Amino acid sequence: MTLMSSLGVVQAEPYLQAGAFEIVDESIKGNFDLESMRKAALVASRCVEIDAAPRPVVAEVLAELKEAYSIQLSHLASCGHMN
């Protein structure tokens, strides 16, 4: 992650905590599950904490992203977007 992209996640954190998804690219709005996006974004924000103590370990990041992916797959299947 570049410095600029990590700064973007840190700047977006207050919006993520408030549940605001205006930060999502317009081209993908409506094509994702809100809970899935929230989980992925929050784990990303934890990964770029200035202080190392609250940063998650890789296994925790992987578990959170797998859960977000599973939620997204369920969402796509329920919307008929899966093959």
PDB file of N, CA and C in Angstrom:
ATOM      1  N   MET A   1       0.859  -1.171   0.000  1.00  0.00           N
ATOM      2  CA  MET A   1       0.000   0.000   0.000  1.00  0.00           C
ATOM      3  C   MET A   1       0.898   1.225   0.000  1.00  0.00           C
ATOM      4  N   THR A   2       0.613   2.151  -0.878  1.00  0.00           N
ATOM      5  CA  THR A   2       1.404   3.368  -0.948  1.00  0.00           C
ATOM      6  C   THR A   2       0.988   4.315   0.165  1.00  0.00           C
ATOM      7  N   LEU A   3       1.839   5.298   0.399  1.00  0.00           N
ATOM      8  CA  LEU A   3       1.522   6.291   1.424  1.00  0.00           C
ATOM      9  C   LEU A   3       0.211   6.994   1.092  1.00  0.00           C
ATOM     10  N   MET A   4       0.021   7.353  -0.167  1.00  0.00           N
ATOM     11  CA  MET A   4      -1.208   8.057  -0.549  1.00  0.00           C
ATOM     12  C   MET A   4      -2.446   7.188  -0.359  1.00  0.00           C
ATOM     13  N   SER A   5      -2.359   5.909  -0.718  1.00  0.00           N
ATOM     14  CA  SER A   5      -3.543   5.061  -0.544  1.00  0.00           C
ATOM     15  C   SER A   5      -3.817   4.805   0.928  1.00  0.00           C
ATOM     16  N   SER A   6      -2.765   4.672   1.746  1.00  0.00           N
ATOM     17  CA  SER A   6      -3.002   4.471   3.177  1.00  0.00           C
ATOM     18  C   SER A   6      -3.575   5.733   3.803  1.00  0.00           C
ATOM     19  N   LEU A   7      -3.147   6.894   3.345  1.00  0.00           N
ATOM     20  CA  LEU A   7      -3.731   8.141   3.844  1.00  0.00           C
ATOM     21  C   LEU A   7      -5.199   8.238   3.461  1.00  0.00           C
ATOM     22  N   GLY A   8      -5.539   7.740   2.287  1.00  0.00           N
ATOM     23  CA  GLY A   8      -6.938   7.740   1.863  1.00  0.00           C
ATOM     24  C   GLY A   8      -7.802   6.905   2.778  1.00  0.00           C
ATOM     25  N   VAL A   9      -7.300   5.750   3.206  1.00  0.00           N
ATOM     26  CA  VAL A   9      -8.050   4.894   4.127  1.00  0.00           C
ATOM     27  C   VAL A   9      -8.207   5.588   5.467  1.00  0.00           C
ATOM     28  N   VAL A  10      -7.134   6.203   5.969  1.00  0.00           N
ATOM     29  CA  VAL A  10      -7.197   6.896   7.256  1.00  0.00           C
ATOM     30  C   VAL A  10      -8.185   8.055   7.172  1.00  0.00           C
ATOM     31  N   GLN A  11      -8.163   8.816   6.080  1.00  0.00           N
ATOM     32  CA  GLN A  11      -9.088   9.931   5.929  1.00  0.00           C
ATOM     33  C   GLN A  11     -10.529   9.456   5.806  1.00  0.00           C
ATOM     34  N   ALA A  12     -10.734   8.283   5.274  1.00  0.00           N
ATOM     35  CA  ALA A  12     -12.085   7.750   5.094  1.00  0.00           C
ATOM     36  C   ALA A  12     -12.644   7.127   6.363  1.00  0.00           C
ATOM     37  N   GLU A  13     -11.789   6.826   7.334  1.00  0.00           N
ATOM     38  CA  GLU A  13     -12.222   6.095   8.525  1.00  0.00           C
ATOM     39  C   GLU A  13     -13.420   6.714   9.238  1.00  0.00           C
ATOM     40  N   PRO A  14     -13.450   8.032   9.483  1.00  0.00           N
ATOM     41  CA  PRO A  14     -14.638   8.581  10.165  1.00  0.00           C
ATOM     42  C   PRO A  14     -15.934   8.316   9.400  1.00  0.00           C
ATOM     43  N   TYR A  15     -15.858   8.342   8.089  1.00  0.00           N
ATOM     44  CA  TYR A  15     -17.039   8.063   7.271  1.00  0.00           C
ATOM     45  C   TYR A  15     -17.442   6.599   7.381  1.00  0.00           C
ATOM     46  N   LEU A  16     -16.449   5.724   7.415  1.00  0.00           N
ATOM     47  CA  LEU A  16     -16.724   4.292   7.539  1.00  0.00           C
ATOM     48  C   LEU A  16     -17.361   3.988   8.884  1.00  0.00           C
ATOM     49  N   GLN A  17     -16.831   4.587   9.933  1.00  0.00           N
ATOM     50  CA  GLN A  17     -17.372   4.363  11.272  1.00  0.00           C
ATOM     51  C   GLN A  17     -18.820   4.837  11.352  1.00  0.00           C
ATOM     52  N   ALA A  18     -19.137   5.902  10.629  1.00  0.00           N
ATOM     53  CA  ALA A  18     -20.493   6.449  10.650  1.00  0.00           C
ATOM     54  C   ALA A  18     -21.434   5.696   9.716  1.00  0.00           C
ATOM     55  N   GLY A  19     -20.875   4.761   8.948  1.00  0.00           N
ATOM     56  CA  GLY A  19     -21.705   3.994   8.030  1.00  0.00           C
ATOM     57  C   GLY A  19     -21.968   4.701   6.709  1.00  0.00           C
ATOM     58  N   ALA A  20     -21.222   5.760   6.436  1.00  0.00           N
ATOM     59  CA  ALA A  20     -21.407   6.504   5.191  1.00  0.00           C
ATOM     60  C   ALA A  20     -20.615   5.842   4.074  1.00  0.00           C
ATOM     61  N   PHE A  21     -21.282   5.549   2.986  1.00  0.00           N
ATOM     62  CA  PHE A  21     -20.614   4.884   1.873  1.00  0.00           C
ATOM     63  C   PHE A  21     -20.489   5.802   0.661  1.00  0.00           C
ATOM     64  N   GLU A  22     -20.480   7.110   0.892  1.00  0.00           N
ATOM     65  CA  GLU A  22     -20.282   8.042  -0.208  1.00  0.00           C
ATOM     66  C   GLU A  22     -18.878   7.922  -0.783  1.00  0.00           C
ATOM     67  N   ILE A  23     -17.981   7.260  -0.062  1.00  0.00           N
ATOM     68  CA  ILE A  23     -16.606   7.111  -0.530  1.00  0.00           C
ATOM     69  C   ILE A  23     -16.473   6.014  -1.577  1.00  0.00           C
ATOM     70  N   VAL A  24     -17.523   5.236  -1.792  1.00  0.00           N
ATOM     71  CA  VAL A  24     -17.478   4.130  -2.745  1.00  0.00           C
ATOM     72  C   VAL A  24     -17.582   4.674  -4.167  1.00  0.00           C
ATOM     73  N   ASP A  25     -16.766   4.129  -5.052  1.00  0.00           N
ATOM     74  CA  ASP A  25     -16.773   4.507  -6.464  1.00  0.00           C
ATOM     75  C   ASP A  25     -18.178   4.322  -7.041  1.00  0.00           C
ATOM     76  N   GLU A  26     -18.671   5.336  -7.713  1.00  0.00           N
ATOM     77  CA  GLU A  26     -20.021   5.300  -8.303  1.00  0.00           C
ATOM     78  C   GLU A  26     -20.227   4.106  -9.228  1.00  0.00           C
ATOM     79  N   SER A  27     -19.162   3.652  -9.896  1.00  0.00           N
ATOM     80  CA  SER A  27     -19.312   2.572 -10.877  1.00  0.00           C
ATOM     81  C   SER A  27     -19.623   1.219 -10.239  1.00  0.00           C
ATOM     82  N   ILE A  28     -19.392   1.076  -8.927  1.00  0.00           N
ATOM     83  CA  ILE A  28     -19.697  -0.205  -8.283  1.00  0.00           C
ATOM     84  C   ILE A  28     -20.852  -0.114  -7.295  1.00  0.00           C
ATOM     85  N   LYS A  29     -21.403   1.065  -7.101  1.00  0.00           N
ATOM     86  CA  LYS A  29     -22.527   1.194  -6.171  1.00  0.00           C
ATOM     87  C   LYS A  29     -23.670   0.299  -6.609  1.00  0.00           C
ATOM     88  N   GLY A  30     -24.263  -0.378  -5.639  1.00  0.00           N
ATOM     89  CA  GLY A  30     -25.380  -1.267  -5.913  1.00  0.00           C
ATOM     90  C   GLY A  30     -24.960  -2.677  -6.276  1.00  0.00           C
ATOM     91  N   ASN A  31     -23.671  -2.883  -6.513  1.00  0.00           N
ATOM     92  CA  ASN A  31     -23.171  -4.206  -6.883  1.00  0.00           C
ATOM     93  C   ASN A  31     -22.468  -4.908  -5.729  1.00  0.00           C
ATOM     94  N   PHE A  32     -22.618  -4.386  -4.533  1.00  0.00           N
ATOM     95  CA  PHE A  32     -21.960  -4.994  -3.387  1.00  0.00           C
ATOM     96  C   PHE A  32     -22.883  -4.975  -2.183  1.00  0.00           C
ATOM     97  N   ASP A  33     -22.611  -5.878  -1.273  1.00  0.00           N
ATOM     98  CA  ASP A  33     -23.343  -5.935  -0.015  1.00  0.00           C
ATOM     99  C   ASP A  33     -22.720  -4.924   0.944  1.00  0.00           C
ATOM    100  N   LEU A  34     -23.533  -4.103   1.587  1.00  0.00           N
ATOM    101  CA  LEU A  34     -23.013  -3.072   2.487  1.00  0.00           C
ATOM    102  C   LEU A  34     -22.191  -3.656   3.628  1.00  0.00           C
ATOM    103  N   GLU A  35     -22.638  -4.762   4.203  1.00  0.00           N
ATOM    104  CA  GLU A  35     -21.899  -5.376   5.312  1.00  0.00           C
ATOM    105  C   GLU A  35     -20.539  -5.884   4.838  1.00  0.00           C
ATOM    106  N   SER A  36     -20.501  -6.452   3.651  1.00  0.00           N
ATOM    107  CA  SER A  36     -19.243  -6.930   3.083  1.00  0.00           C
ATOM    108  C   SER A  36     -18.265  -5.772   2.893  1.00  0.00           C
ATOM    109  N   MET A  37     -18.745  -4.686   2.312  1.00  0.00           N
ATOM    110  CA  MET A  37     -17.898  -3.512   2.086  1.00  0.00           C
ATOM    111  C   MET A  37     -17.438  -2.922   3.410  1.00  0.00           C
ATOM    112  N   ARG A  38     -18.344  -2.855   4.381  1.00  0.00           N
ATOM    113  CA  ARG A  38     -17.994  -2.296   5.686  1.00  0.00           C
ATOM    114  C   ARG A  38     -16.885  -3.111   6.333  1.00  0.00           C
ATOM    115  N   LYS A  39     -17.012  -4.442   6.318  1.00  0.00           N
ATOM    116  CA  LYS A  39     -15.995  -5.305   6.921  1.00  0.00           C
ATOM    117  C   LYS A  39     -14.633  -5.105   6.266  1.00  0.00           C
ATOM    118  N   ALA A  40     -14.605  -5.094   4.941  1.00  0.00           N
ATOM    119  CA  ALA A  40     -13.340  -4.933   4.219  1.00  0.00           C
ATOM    120  C   ALA A  40     -12.719  -3.562   4.488  1.00  0.00           C
ATOM    121  N   ALA A  41     -13.543  -2.527   4.484  1.00  0.00           N
ATOM    122  CA  ALA A  41     -13.035  -1.175   4.705  1.00  0.00           C
ATOM    123  C   ALA A  41     -12.531  -0.985   6.132  1.00  0.00           C
ATOM    124  N   LEU A  42     -13.240  -1.533   7.098  1.00  0.00           N
ATOM    125  CA  LEU A  42     -12.805  -1.373   8.486  1.00  0.00           C
ATOM    126  C   LEU A  42     -11.511  -2.121   8.769  1.00  0.00           C
ATOM    127  N   VAL A  43     -11.350  -3.307   8.208  1.00  0.00           N
ATOM    128  CA  VAL A  43     -10.088  -4.017   8.423  1.00  0.00           C
ATOM    129  C   VAL A  43      -8.953  -3.262   7.735  1.00  0.00           C
ATOM    130  N   ALA A  44      -9.222  -2.666   6.576  1.00  0.00           N
ATOM    131  CA  ALA A  44      -8.203  -1.857   5.893  1.00  0.00           C
ATOM    132  C   ALA A  44      -7.800  -0.666   6.751  1.00  0.00           C
ATOM    133  N   SER A  45      -8.778  -0.021   7.371  1.00  0.00           N
ATOM    134  CA  SER A  45      -8.462   1.140   8.209  1.00  0.00           C
ATOM    135  C   SER A  45      -7.651   0.739   9.435  1.00  0.00           C
ATOM    136  N   ARG A  46      -7.901  -0.441   9.962  1.00  0.00           N
ATOM    137  CA  ARG A  46      -7.115  -0.916  11.106  1.00  0.00           C
ATOM    138  C   ARG A  46      -5.678  -1.233  10.705  1.00  0.00           C
ATOM    139  N   CYS A  47      -5.480  -1.660   9.464  1.00  0.00           N
ATOM    140  CA  CYS A  47      -4.139  -2.024   8.980  1.00  0.00           C
ATOM    141  C   CYS A  47      -3.211  -0.823   8.846  1.00  0.00           C
ATOM    142  N   VAL A  48      -3.765   0.361   8.697  1.00  0.00           N
ATOM    143  CA  VAL A  48      -2.929   1.546   8.499  1.00  0.00           C
ATOM    144  C   VAL A  48      -2.902   2.457   9.727  1.00  0.00           C
ATOM    145  N   GLU A  49      -3.258   1.915  10.879  1.00  0.00           N
ATOM    146  CA  GLU A  49      -3.167   2.687  12.120  1.00  0.00           C
ATOM    147  C   GLU A  49      -1.733   3.178  12.302  1.00  0.00           C
ATOM    148  N   ILE A  50      -1.582   4.395  12.781  1.00  0.00           N
ATOM    149  CA  ILE A  50      -0.254   4.957  13.033  1.00  0.00           C
ATOM    150  C   ILE A  50       0.477   4.114  14.078  1.00  0.00           C
ATOM    151  N   ASP A  51      -0.199   3.818  15.172  1.00  0.00           N
ATOM    152  CA  ASP A  51       0.366   2.994  16.244  1.00  0.00           C
ATOM    153  C   ASP A  51       0.220   1.524  15.856  1.00  0.00           C
ATOM    154  N   ALA A  52       1.266   0.752  16.033  1.00  0.00           N
ATOM    155  CA  ALA A  52       1.243  -0.658  15.630  1.00  0.00           C
ATOM    156  C   ALA A  52       0.338  -1.523  16.512  1.00  0.00           C
ATOM    157  N   ALA A  53       0.140  -1.137  17.761  1.00  0.00           N
ATOM    158  CA  ALA A  53      -0.592  -1.984  18.709  1.00  0.00           C
ATOM    159  C   ALA A  53      -1.998  -2.387  18.233  1.00  0.00           C
ATOM    160  N   PRO A  54      -2.807  -1.469  17.699  1.00  0.00           N
ATOM    161  CA  PRO A  54      -4.158  -1.882  17.288  1.00  0.00           C
ATOM    162  C   PRO A  54      -4.226  -2.555  15.917  1.00  0.00           C
ATOM    163  N   ARG A  55      -3.094  -2.610  15.200  1.00  0.00           N
ATOM    164  CA  ARG A  55      -3.117  -3.244  13.873  1.00  0.00           C
ATOM    165  C   ARG A  55      -3.366  -4.739  14.007  1.00  0.00           C
ATOM    166  N   PRO A  56      -4.204  -5.298  13.157  1.00  0.00           N
ATOM    167  CA  PRO A  56      -4.477  -6.742  13.226  1.00  0.00           C
ATOM    168  C   PRO A  56      -3.312  -7.546  12.652  1.00  0.00           C
ATOM    169  N   VAL A  57      -3.194  -8.784  13.109  1.00  0.00           N
ATOM    170  CA  VAL A  57      -2.197  -9.686  12.536  1.00  0.00           C
ATOM    171  C   VAL A  57      -2.741 -10.192  11.201  1.00  0.00           C
ATOM    172  N   VAL A  58      -1.853 -10.713  10.363  1.00  0.00           N
ATOM    173  CA  VAL A  58      -2.241 -11.146   9.020  1.00  0.00           C
ATOM    174  C   VAL A  58      -3.370 -12.174   9.060  1.00  0.00           C
ATOM    175  N   ALA A  59      -3.316 -13.097  10.005  1.00  0.00           N
ATOM    176  CA  ALA A  59      -4.363 -14.121  10.099  1.00  0.00           C
ATOM    177  C   ALA A  59      -5.732 -13.488  10.350  1.00  0.00           C
ATOM    178  N   GLU A  60      -5.776 -12.442  11.149  1.00  0.00           N
ATOM    179  CA  GLU A  60      -7.041 -11.757  11.425  1.00  0.00           C
ATOM    180  C   GLU A  60      -7.536 -11.014  10.184  1.00  0.00           C
ATOM    181  N   VAL A  61      -6.607 -10.368   9.470  1.00  0.00           N
ATOM    182  CA  VAL A  61      -6.973  -9.677   8.231  1.00  0.00           C
ATOM    183  C   VAL A  61      -7.557 -10.676   7.238  1.00  0.00           C
ATOM    184  N   LEU A  62      -6.873 -11.794   7.079  1.00  0.00           N
ATOM    185  CA  LEU A  62      -7.335 -12.824   6.152  1.00  0.00           C
ATOM    186  C   LEU A  62      -8.719 -13.339   6.539  1.00  0.00           C
ATOM    187  N   ALA A  63      -8.927 -13.596   7.820  1.00  0.00           N
ATOM    188  CA  ALA A  63     -10.226 -14.091   8.289  1.00  0.00           C
ATOM    189  C   ALA A  63     -11.331 -13.071   8.010  1.00  0.00           C
ATOM    190  N   GLU A  64     -11.066 -11.798   8.283  1.00  0.00           N
ATOM    191  CA  GLU A  64     -12.067 -10.751   8.043  1.00  0.00           C
ATOM    192  C   GLU A  64     -12.382 -10.617   6.556  1.00  0.00           C
ATOM    193  N   LEU A  65     -11.336 -10.671   5.718  1.00  0.00           N
ATOM    194  CA  LEU A  65     -11.556 -10.547   4.280  1.00  0.00           C
ATOM    195  C   LEU A  65     -12.282 -11.764   3.711  1.00  0.00           C
ATOM    196  N   LYS A  66     -11.983 -12.948   4.244  1.00  0.00           N
ATOM    197  CA  LYS A  66     -12.708 -14.146   3.806  1.00  0.00           C
ATOM    198  C   LYS A  66     -14.183 -14.034   4.165  1.00  0.00           C
ATOM    199  N   GLU A  67     -14.457 -13.514   5.351  1.00  0.00           N
ATOM    200  CA  GLU A  67     -15.851 -13.339   5.774  1.00  0.00           C
ATOM    201  C   GLU A  67     -16.557 -12.309   4.885  1.00  0.00           C
ATOM    202  N   ALA A  68     -15.872 -11.206   4.593  1.00  0.00           N
ATOM    203  CA  ALA A  68     -16.450 -10.186   3.713  1.00  0.00           C
ATOM    204  C   ALA A  68     -16.718 -10.766   2.328  1.00  0.00           C
ATOM    205  N   TYR A  69     -15.796 -11.577   1.839  1.00  0.00           N
ATOM    206  CA  TYR A  69     -15.947 -12.207   0.524  1.00  0.00           C
ATOM    207  C   TYR A  69     -17.130 -13.172   0.520  1.00  0.00           C
ATOM    208  N   SER A  70     -17.272 -13.936   1.585  1.00  0.00           N
ATOM    209  CA  SER A  70     -18.382 -14.875   1.702  1.00  0.00           C
ATOM    210  C   SER A  70     -19.724 -14.137   1.700  1.00  0.00           C
ATOM    211  N   ILE A  71     -19.785 -13.046   2.426  1.00  0.00           N
ATOM    212  CA  ILE A  71     -21.000 -12.225   2.459  1.00  0.00           C
ATOM    213  C   ILE A  71     -21.305 -11.695   1.060  1.00  0.00           C
ATOM    214  N   GLN A  72     -20.259 -11.234   0.366  1.00  0.00           N
ATOM    215  CA  GLN A  72     -20.445 -10.703  -0.984  1.00  0.00           C
ATOM    216  C   GLN A  72     -20.929 -11.783  -1.945  1.00  0.00           C
ATOM    217  N   LEU A  73     -20.354 -12.977  -1.850  1.00  0.00           N
ATOM    218  CA  LEU A  73     -20.795 -14.074  -2.718  1.00  0.00           C
ATOM    219  C   LEU A  73     -22.262 -14.414  -2.476  1.00  0.00           C
ATOM    220  N   SER A  74     -22.668 -14.429  -1.217  1.00  0.00           N
ATOM    221  CA  SER A  74     -24.077 -14.690  -0.889  1.00  0.00           C
ATOM    222  C   SER A  74     -24.978 -13.608  -1.475  1.00  0.00           C
ATOM    223  N   HIS A  75     -24.525 -12.378  -1.376  1.00  0.00           N
ATOM    224  CA  HIS A  75     -25.284 -11.249  -1.930  1.00  0.00           C
ATOM    225  C   HIS A  75     -25.448 -11.405  -3.441  1.00  0.00           C
ATOM    226  N   LEU A  76     -24.350 -11.710  -4.126  1.00  0.00           N
ATOM    227  CA  LEU A  76     -24.405 -11.872  -5.582  1.00  0.00           C
ATOM    228  C   LEU A  76     -25.317 -13.027  -5.982  1.00  0.00           C
ATOM    229  N   ALA A  77     -25.232 -14.131  -5.234  1.00  0.00           N
ATOM    230  CA  ALA A  77     -26.081 -15.293  -5.528  1.00  0.00           C
ATOM    231  C   ALA A  77     -27.557 -14.941  -5.345  1.00  0.00           C
ATOM    232  N   SER A  78     -27.862 -14.187  -4.293  1.00  0.00           N
ATOM    233  CA  SER A  78     -29.259 -13.829  -4.030  1.00  0.00           C
ATOM    234  C   SER A  78     -29.807 -12.852  -5.070  1.00  0.00           C
ATOM    235  N   CYS A  79     -28.912 -12.119  -5.712  1.00  0.00           N
ATOM    236  CA  CYS A  79     -29.325 -11.166  -6.752  1.00  0.00           C
ATOM    237  C   CYS A  79     -29.292 -11.778  -8.142  1.00  0.00           C
ATOM    238  N   GLY A  80     -28.867 -13.046  -8.221  1.00  0.00           N
ATOM    239  CA  GLY A  80     -28.804 -13.717  -9.509  1.00  0.00           C
ATOM    240  C   GLY A  80     -27.612 -13.338 -10.360  1.00  0.00           C
ATOM    241  N   HIS A  81     -26.542 -12.833  -9.722  1.00  0.00           N
ATOM    242  CA  HIS A  81     -25.348 -12.419 -10.458  1.00  0.00           C
ATOM    243  C   HIS A  81     -24.279 -13.496 -10.540  1.00  0.00           C
ATOM    244  N   MET A  82     -24.564 -14.681 -10.015  1.00  0.00           N
ATOM    245  CA  MET A  82     -23.569 -15.761 -10.038  1.00  0.00           C
ATOM    246  C   MET A  82     -23.913 -16.715 -11.170  1.00  0.00           C
ATOM    247  N   ASN A  83     -22.891 -17.365 -11.722  1.00  0.00           N
ATOM    248  CA  ASN A  83     -23.117 -18.367 -12.788  1.00  0.00           C
ATOM    249  C   ASN A  83     -23.608 -19.656 -12.205  1.00  0.00           C
TER     250      ASN A  83
END
